[in-house]
N, C-alpha and C. Protein backbone atom coordinates (compact mmCIF):
# COMPACT_ATOMS: atom_id res chain seq x y z
N UNK A 1 14.80 19.42 -20.39
CA UNK A 1 14.55 18.01 -20.27
C UNK A 1 13.46 17.80 -19.21
N UNK A 2 12.60 16.84 -19.46
CA UNK A 2 11.55 16.49 -18.51
C UNK A 2 12.00 15.27 -17.71
N UNK A 3 12.08 15.44 -16.39
CA UNK A 3 12.56 14.38 -15.50
C UNK A 3 11.46 14.01 -14.52
N UNK A 4 11.22 12.72 -14.39
CA UNK A 4 10.24 12.20 -13.44
C UNK A 4 10.96 11.43 -12.35
N UNK A 5 10.70 11.80 -11.10
CA UNK A 5 11.23 11.08 -9.95
C UNK A 5 10.08 10.33 -9.31
N UNK A 6 10.22 9.02 -9.18
CA UNK A 6 9.21 8.20 -8.52
C UNK A 6 9.78 7.80 -7.16
N UNK A 7 9.11 8.24 -6.11
CA UNK A 7 9.55 7.98 -4.74
C UNK A 7 8.70 6.84 -4.18
N UNK A 8 9.36 5.76 -3.78
CA UNK A 8 8.64 4.59 -3.29
C UNK A 8 8.25 4.69 -1.82
N UNK A 9 9.16 5.10 -0.96
CA UNK A 9 8.87 5.10 0.48
C UNK A 9 9.32 6.39 1.16
N UNK A 10 8.82 7.48 0.73
CA UNK A 10 9.16 8.76 1.35
C UNK A 10 10.43 9.37 0.80
N UNK A 11 10.51 10.66 0.91
CA UNK A 11 11.62 11.42 0.36
C UNK A 11 12.73 11.55 1.39
N UNK A 12 13.91 11.05 1.07
CA UNK A 12 15.07 11.16 1.95
C UNK A 12 15.95 12.33 1.49
N UNK A 13 16.95 12.70 2.28
CA UNK A 13 17.75 13.90 1.95
C UNK A 13 18.46 13.86 0.60
N UNK A 14 19.03 12.73 0.20
CA UNK A 14 19.76 12.67 -1.07
C UNK A 14 18.86 12.91 -2.27
N UNK A 15 17.76 12.17 -2.42
CA UNK A 15 16.88 12.46 -3.56
C UNK A 15 16.33 13.88 -3.52
N UNK A 16 16.02 14.37 -2.34
CA UNK A 16 15.50 15.73 -2.21
C UNK A 16 16.51 16.75 -2.74
N UNK A 17 17.77 16.55 -2.43
CA UNK A 17 18.83 17.45 -2.89
C UNK A 17 19.01 17.37 -4.40
N UNK A 18 19.00 16.16 -4.94
CA UNK A 18 19.15 15.97 -6.38
C UNK A 18 17.98 16.59 -7.13
N UNK A 19 16.78 16.40 -6.63
CA UNK A 19 15.59 16.99 -7.26
C UNK A 19 15.69 18.50 -7.26
N UNK A 20 16.15 19.06 -6.16
CA UNK A 20 16.30 20.52 -6.06
C UNK A 20 17.28 21.04 -7.11
N UNK A 21 18.41 20.37 -7.27
CA UNK A 21 19.41 20.81 -8.25
C UNK A 21 18.88 20.66 -9.67
N UNK A 22 18.24 19.53 -9.96
CA UNK A 22 17.73 19.30 -11.31
C UNK A 22 16.60 20.27 -11.66
N UNK A 23 15.85 20.71 -10.67
CA UNK A 23 14.72 21.61 -10.90
C UNK A 23 15.15 22.98 -11.40
N UNK A 24 16.38 23.33 -11.19
CA UNK A 24 16.87 24.64 -11.62
C UNK A 24 16.89 24.78 -13.14
N UNK A 25 17.23 23.71 -13.85
CA UNK A 25 17.39 23.78 -15.31
C UNK A 25 16.48 22.84 -16.08
N UNK A 26 15.62 22.11 -15.39
CA UNK A 26 14.77 21.12 -16.05
C UNK A 26 13.35 21.19 -15.52
N UNK A 27 12.46 20.59 -16.26
CA UNK A 27 11.08 20.44 -15.79
C UNK A 27 11.05 19.12 -15.00
N UNK A 28 10.81 19.21 -13.70
CA UNK A 28 10.88 18.04 -12.83
C UNK A 28 9.51 17.79 -12.20
N UNK A 29 9.13 16.53 -12.20
CA UNK A 29 7.89 16.11 -11.54
C UNK A 29 8.25 15.00 -10.55
N UNK A 30 7.64 15.05 -9.36
CA UNK A 30 7.88 14.04 -8.33
C UNK A 30 6.56 13.35 -8.03
N UNK A 31 6.59 12.03 -8.04
CA UNK A 31 5.42 11.22 -7.69
C UNK A 31 5.80 10.36 -6.49
N UNK A 32 5.05 10.49 -5.42
CA UNK A 32 5.28 9.68 -4.22
C UNK A 32 4.26 8.56 -4.19
N UNK A 33 4.72 7.33 -4.38
CA UNK A 33 3.81 6.19 -4.43
C UNK A 33 3.20 5.86 -3.07
N UNK A 34 3.76 6.38 -2.01
CA UNK A 34 3.21 6.12 -0.68
C UNK A 34 1.93 6.90 -0.41
N UNK A 35 1.63 7.88 -1.24
CA UNK A 35 0.38 8.63 -1.12
C UNK A 35 -0.78 7.74 -1.54
N UNK A 36 -1.90 7.85 -0.87
CA UNK A 36 -3.03 6.95 -1.14
C UNK A 36 -3.86 7.35 -2.34
N UNK A 37 -3.77 8.59 -2.76
CA UNK A 37 -4.62 9.05 -3.86
C UNK A 37 -3.89 9.08 -5.20
N UNK A 38 -3.00 8.11 -5.43
CA UNK A 38 -2.23 8.05 -6.66
C UNK A 38 -3.03 7.31 -7.74
N UNK A 39 -3.11 7.91 -8.90
CA UNK A 39 -3.70 7.25 -10.05
C UNK A 39 -2.56 6.56 -10.81
N UNK A 40 -2.56 5.25 -10.80
CA UNK A 40 -1.47 4.53 -11.47
C UNK A 40 -1.52 4.73 -12.99
N UNK A 41 -2.66 5.01 -13.52
CA UNK A 41 -2.76 5.32 -14.94
C UNK A 41 -2.00 6.61 -15.25
N UNK A 42 -2.10 7.60 -14.36
CA UNK A 42 -1.36 8.85 -14.58
C UNK A 42 0.14 8.64 -14.39
N UNK A 43 0.53 7.73 -13.49
CA UNK A 43 1.95 7.43 -13.32
C UNK A 43 2.51 6.81 -14.60
N UNK A 44 1.78 5.89 -15.18
CA UNK A 44 2.22 5.26 -16.43
C UNK A 44 2.32 6.31 -17.54
N UNK A 45 1.35 7.19 -17.63
CA UNK A 45 1.40 8.27 -18.62
C UNK A 45 2.60 9.16 -18.40
N UNK A 46 2.88 9.48 -17.13
CA UNK A 46 4.05 10.31 -16.80
C UNK A 46 5.35 9.62 -17.23
N UNK A 47 5.44 8.32 -17.00
CA UNK A 47 6.66 7.58 -17.35
C UNK A 47 6.95 7.73 -18.85
N UNK A 48 5.92 7.60 -19.66
CA UNK A 48 6.13 7.66 -21.11
C UNK A 48 6.22 9.08 -21.66
N UNK A 49 5.83 10.07 -20.88
CA UNK A 49 5.88 11.45 -21.38
C UNK A 49 7.12 12.21 -20.89
N UNK A 50 7.96 11.58 -20.07
CA UNK A 50 9.18 12.23 -19.59
C UNK A 50 10.40 11.66 -20.30
N UNK A 51 11.45 12.47 -20.40
CA UNK A 51 12.68 12.05 -21.05
C UNK A 51 13.50 11.11 -20.16
N UNK A 52 13.43 11.33 -18.87
CA UNK A 52 14.21 10.53 -17.92
C UNK A 52 13.32 10.20 -16.73
N UNK A 53 13.41 8.94 -16.27
CA UNK A 53 12.65 8.49 -15.11
C UNK A 53 13.62 7.90 -14.10
N UNK A 54 13.51 8.39 -12.85
CA UNK A 54 14.38 7.92 -11.77
C UNK A 54 13.49 7.41 -10.66
N UNK A 55 13.75 6.18 -10.24
CA UNK A 55 12.97 5.58 -9.16
C UNK A 55 13.85 5.46 -7.92
N UNK A 56 13.31 5.93 -6.81
CA UNK A 56 14.03 5.89 -5.53
C UNK A 56 13.37 4.90 -4.61
């Protein structure tokens, strides 16, 4: 399964732990919106190309 995690304001311990566990058996991508070099077009493409999207 392809899982996308969208992090709004930095990575805290709980999401970090969940991402680590999910990464063992799934294809996981993390996008941190607080980064300045984010292409919002690529974020939209990622949302539609993943099976599950989780926003933190």
